[in-house]
C-alpha atoms as a PDB file:
ATOM      1  CA  MET A   1       0.000   0.000   0.000  1.00  0.00           C
ATOM      2  CA  ARG A   2       1.454   3.368  -0.998  1.00  0.00           C
ATOM      3  CA  PHE A   3       0.993   6.484   1.065  1.00  0.00           C
ATOM      4  CA  PHE A   4       1.085  10.027  -0.213  1.00  0.00           C
ATOM      5  CA  HIS A   5       4.401  11.819  -0.061  1.00  0.00           C
ATOM      6  CA  VAL A   6       4.474  14.273   2.853  1.00  0.00           C
ATOM      7  CA  ARG A   7       6.395  16.953   0.961  1.00  0.00           C
ATOM      8  CA  ARG A   8       3.771  17.121  -1.810  1.00  0.00           C
ATOM      9  CA  ILE A   9       1.263  18.640   0.597  1.00  0.00           C
ATOM     10  CA  PRO A  10       1.610  22.438   0.783  1.00  0.00           C
ATOM     11  CA  ASP A  11       3.342  23.739   3.894  1.00  0.00           C
ATOM     12  CA  ALA A  12       0.304  25.623   5.204  1.00  0.00           C
ATOM     13  CA  ALA A  13      -1.901  22.537   4.854  1.00  0.00           C
ATOM     14  CA  ARG A  14       0.677  20.338   6.593  1.00  0.00           C
ATOM     15  CA  LEU A  15       0.969  22.830   9.437  1.00  0.00           C
ATOM     16  CA  GLY A  16      -2.816  23.076   9.767  1.00  0.00           C
ATOM     17  CA  LEU A  17      -3.268  19.298   9.799  1.00  0.00           C
ATOM     18  CA  ALA A  18      -0.450  18.902  12.293  1.00  0.00           C
ATOM     19  CA  LEU A  19      -1.960  21.489  14.629  1.00  0.00           C
ATOM     20  CA  ILE A  20      -5.379  19.819  14.428  1.00  0.00           C
ATOM     21  CA  CYS A  21      -3.764  16.463  15.219  1.00  0.00           C
ATOM     22  CA  ALA A  22      -1.840  18.010  18.115  1.00  0.00           C
ATOM     23  CA  VAL A  23      -5.055  19.470  19.578  1.00  0.00           C
ATOM     24  CA  VAL A  24      -6.827  16.110  19.253  1.00  0.00           C
ATOM     25  CA  ALA A  25      -3.823  14.422  20.900  1.00  0.00           C
ATOM     26  CA  ALA A  26      -3.933  16.928  23.778  1.00  0.00           C
ATOM     27  CA  ILE A  27      -7.649  16.279  24.234  1.00  0.00           C
ATOM     28  CA  GLY A  28      -6.931  12.543  24.064  1.00  0.00           C
ATOM     29  CA  ALA A  29      -4.364  12.908  26.832  1.00  0.00           C
ATOM     30  CA  ILE A  30      -7.032  14.427  29.078  1.00  0.00           C
ATOM     31  CA  LEU A  31     -10.039  12.329  28.058  1.00  0.00           C
ATOM     32  CA  PRO A  32      -9.649   8.552  28.129  1.00  0.00           C
ATOM     33  CA  ILE A  33     -12.212   8.075  25.339  1.00  0.00           C
ATOM     34  CA  ILE A  34     -10.040   9.489  22.536  1.00  0.00           C
ATOM     35  CA  PRO A  35      -6.675   7.792  21.925  1.00  0.00           C
ATOM     36  CA  GLY A  36      -4.089  10.555  21.709  1.00  0.00           C
ATOM     37  CA  TRP A  37      -0.936   8.692  20.638  1.00  0.00           C
ATOM     38  CA  PRO A  38      -1.867   8.093  16.967  1.00  0.00           C
ATOM     39  CA  CYS A  39      -2.728  11.766  16.471  1.00  0.00           C
ATOM     40  CA  PHE A  40       0.442  12.838  18.254  1.00  0.00           C
ATOM     41  CA  ILE A  41       2.593  10.629  16.042  1.00  0.00           C
ATOM     42  CA  LEU A  42       0.773  11.840  12.917  1.00  0.00           C
ATOM     43  CA  ALA A  43       1.371  15.465  13.937  1.00  0.00           C
ATOM     44  CA  ILE A  44       5.090  14.793  14.372  1.00  0.00           C
ATOM     45  CA  VAL A  45       5.292  13.014  11.013  1.00  0.00           C
ATOM     46  CA  LEU A  46       3.451  15.854   9.268  1.00  0.00           C
ATOM     47  CA  LEU A  47       5.714  18.501  10.765  1.00  0.00           C
ATOM     48  CA  GLY A  48       8.917  16.506  10.680  1.00  0.00           C
ATOM     49  CA  ARG A  49      10.992  15.621  13.736  1.00  0.00           C
ATOM     50  CA  ARG A  50      13.373  18.499  13.099  1.00  0.00           C
ATOM     51  CA  HIS A  51      10.712  21.202  12.974  1.00  0.00           C
ATOM     52  CA  TYR A  52      11.641  24.142  15.182  1.00  0.00           C
ATOM     53  CA  VAL A  53       8.347  24.077  17.136  1.00  0.00           C
ATOM     54  CA  LEU A  54       8.810  20.423  18.069  1.00  0.00           C
ATOM     55  CA  ARG A  55      12.462  20.937  18.973  1.00  0.00           C
ATOM     56  CA  ARG A  56      11.596  23.940  21.147  1.00  0.00           C
ATOM     57  CA  ALA A  57       8.748  22.060  22.874  1.00  0.00           C
ATOM     58  CA  ARG A  58      11.038  19.141  23.618  1.00  0.00           C
ATOM     59  CA  LEU A  59      13.707  21.442  25.074  1.00  0.00           C
ATOM     60  CA  ILE A  60      11.147  23.243  27.233  1.00  0.00           C
ATOM     61  CA  GLY A  61       9.755  19.916  28.468  1.00  0.00           C
ATOM     62  CA  ARG A  62      13.192  18.559  29.318  1.00  0.00           C
ATOM     63  CA  GLY A  63      14.082  21.814  31.088  1.00  0.00           C
ATOM     64  CA  GLY A  64      10.897  21.561  33.138  1.00  0.00           C
ATOM     65  CA  LEU A  65      11.750  18.001  34.135  1.00  0.00           C
ATOM     66  CA  ARG A  66      15.262  19.080  35.083  1.00  0.00           C
ATOM     67  CA  HIS A  67      13.798  21.884  37.202  1.00  0.00           C
ATOM     68  CA  LEU A  68      11.525  19.405  39.006  1.00  0.00           C
ATOM     69  CA  ARG A  69      14.400  17.001  39.662  1.00  0.00           C
ATOM     70  CA  ARG A  70      16.463  19.784  41.260  1.00  0.00           C
ATOM     71  CA  SER A  71      13.667  21.062  43.486  1.00  0.00           C
ATOM     72  CA  PRO A  72      14.550  21.593  47.163  1.00  0.00           C
ATOM     73  CA  GLN A  73      11.346  19.804  48.206  1.00  0.00           C
ATOM     74  CA  PRO A  74      11.784  16.018  48.282  1.00  0.00           C
ATOM     75  CA  SER A  75       8.237  15.235  47.131  1.00  0.00           C
ATOM     76  CA  ILE A  76       8.559  17.402  44.017  1.00  0.00           C
ATOM     77  CA  ARG A  77      12.024  15.983  43.370  1.00  0.00           C
ATOM     78  CA  ARG A  78      10.585  12.430  43.454  1.00  0.00           C
ATOM     79  CA  VAL A  79       7.851  13.430  41.003  1.00  0.00           C
ATOM     80  CA  GLY A  80      10.504  14.921  38.722  1.00  0.00           C
ATOM     81  CA  TRP A  81      12.522  11.695  38.733  1.00  0.00           C
ATOM     82  CA  ARG A  82       9.424   9.592  38.050  1.00  0.00           C
ATOM     83  CA  LEU A  83       8.334  11.828  35.191  1.00  0.00           C
ATOM     84  CA  SER A  84      11.855  11.804  33.756  1.00  0.00           C
ATOM     85  CA  LYS A  85      11.887   8.013  33.738  1.00  0.00           C
ATOM     86  CA  ALA A  86       8.444   7.941  32.098  1.00  0.00           C
ATOM     87  CA  TYR A  87       9.630  10.473  29.502  1.00  0.00           C
ATOM     88  CA  ALA A  88      12.684   8.359  28.664  1.00  0.00           C
ATOM     89  CA  ARG A  89      10.554   5.215  28.421  1.00  0.00           C
ATOM     90  CA  SER A  90       8.009   6.854  26.117  1.00  0.00           C
ATOM     91  CA  SER A  91      10.761   8.357  23.949  1.00  0.00           C
ATOM     92  CA  ARG A  92      12.271   4.909  23.434  1.00  0.00           C
ATOM     93  CA  LEU A  93       8.825   3.546  22.608  1.00  0.00           C
ATOM     94  CA  ILE A  94       7.826   6.270  20.159  1.00  0.00           C
ATOM     95  CA  ALA A  95      11.101   6.673  18.227  1.00  0.00           C
ATOM     96  CA  PRO A  96      10.790   3.397  16.223  1.00  0.00           C
ATOM     97  CA  MET A  97       7.158   4.200  15.396  1.00  0.00           C
ATOM     98  CA  LEU A  98       8.127   7.643  14.108  1.00  0.00           C
ATOM     99  CA  THR A  99      10.905   6.199  11.981  1.00  0.00           C
ATOM    100  CA  ALA A 100       8.576   3.585  10.491  1.00  0.00           C
ATOM    101  CA  ALA A 101       5.875   6.182   9.785  1.00  0.00           C
ATOM    102  CA  GLU A 102       8.364   8.535   8.110  1.00  0.00           C
ATOM    103  CA  ARG A 103       9.678   5.697   5.928  1.00  0.00           C
ATOM    104  CA  ALA A 104       6.157   4.703   4.953  1.00  0.00           C
ATOM    105  CA  MET A 105       5.322   8.276   4.002  1.00  0.00           C
ATOM    106  CA  ARG A 106       8.456   8.619   1.853  1.00  0.00           C
ATOM    107  CA  THR A 107       7.830   5.596  -0.366  1.00  0.00           C
END
C-alpha cells in the first residue's frame, strides 16, 4: 500500500493538519475516550521531527523536568525523577514508530 508523499502537501496545509492532530492528541491525553498517541505521532510526522516548534517544545519539556528534579522539596524531586523516567521510556517507545511512519510516508 502506498501512502502520499508528505512533501507534496503544501506547507500551510501540513501545518494546519499537524496542529489539528496536536489538539486532538492533547484532548486525548485528558479524556480517556479518545486515543491521543496516533494523532500525536501523525502530527510529528506531518511537521517533521526536526521542525523548530517540536524541537523547542522538547527542550522546554526537558528543562521543566530538570527543574523538578532539582527542586529543594523532596516530594517534588521524586515526582521529577518519576516523570523523567516515564519520559525516557516513552521516547524509546515512540522513536521506532516515528521512523517507520516517516519511511512509509516517503515511499
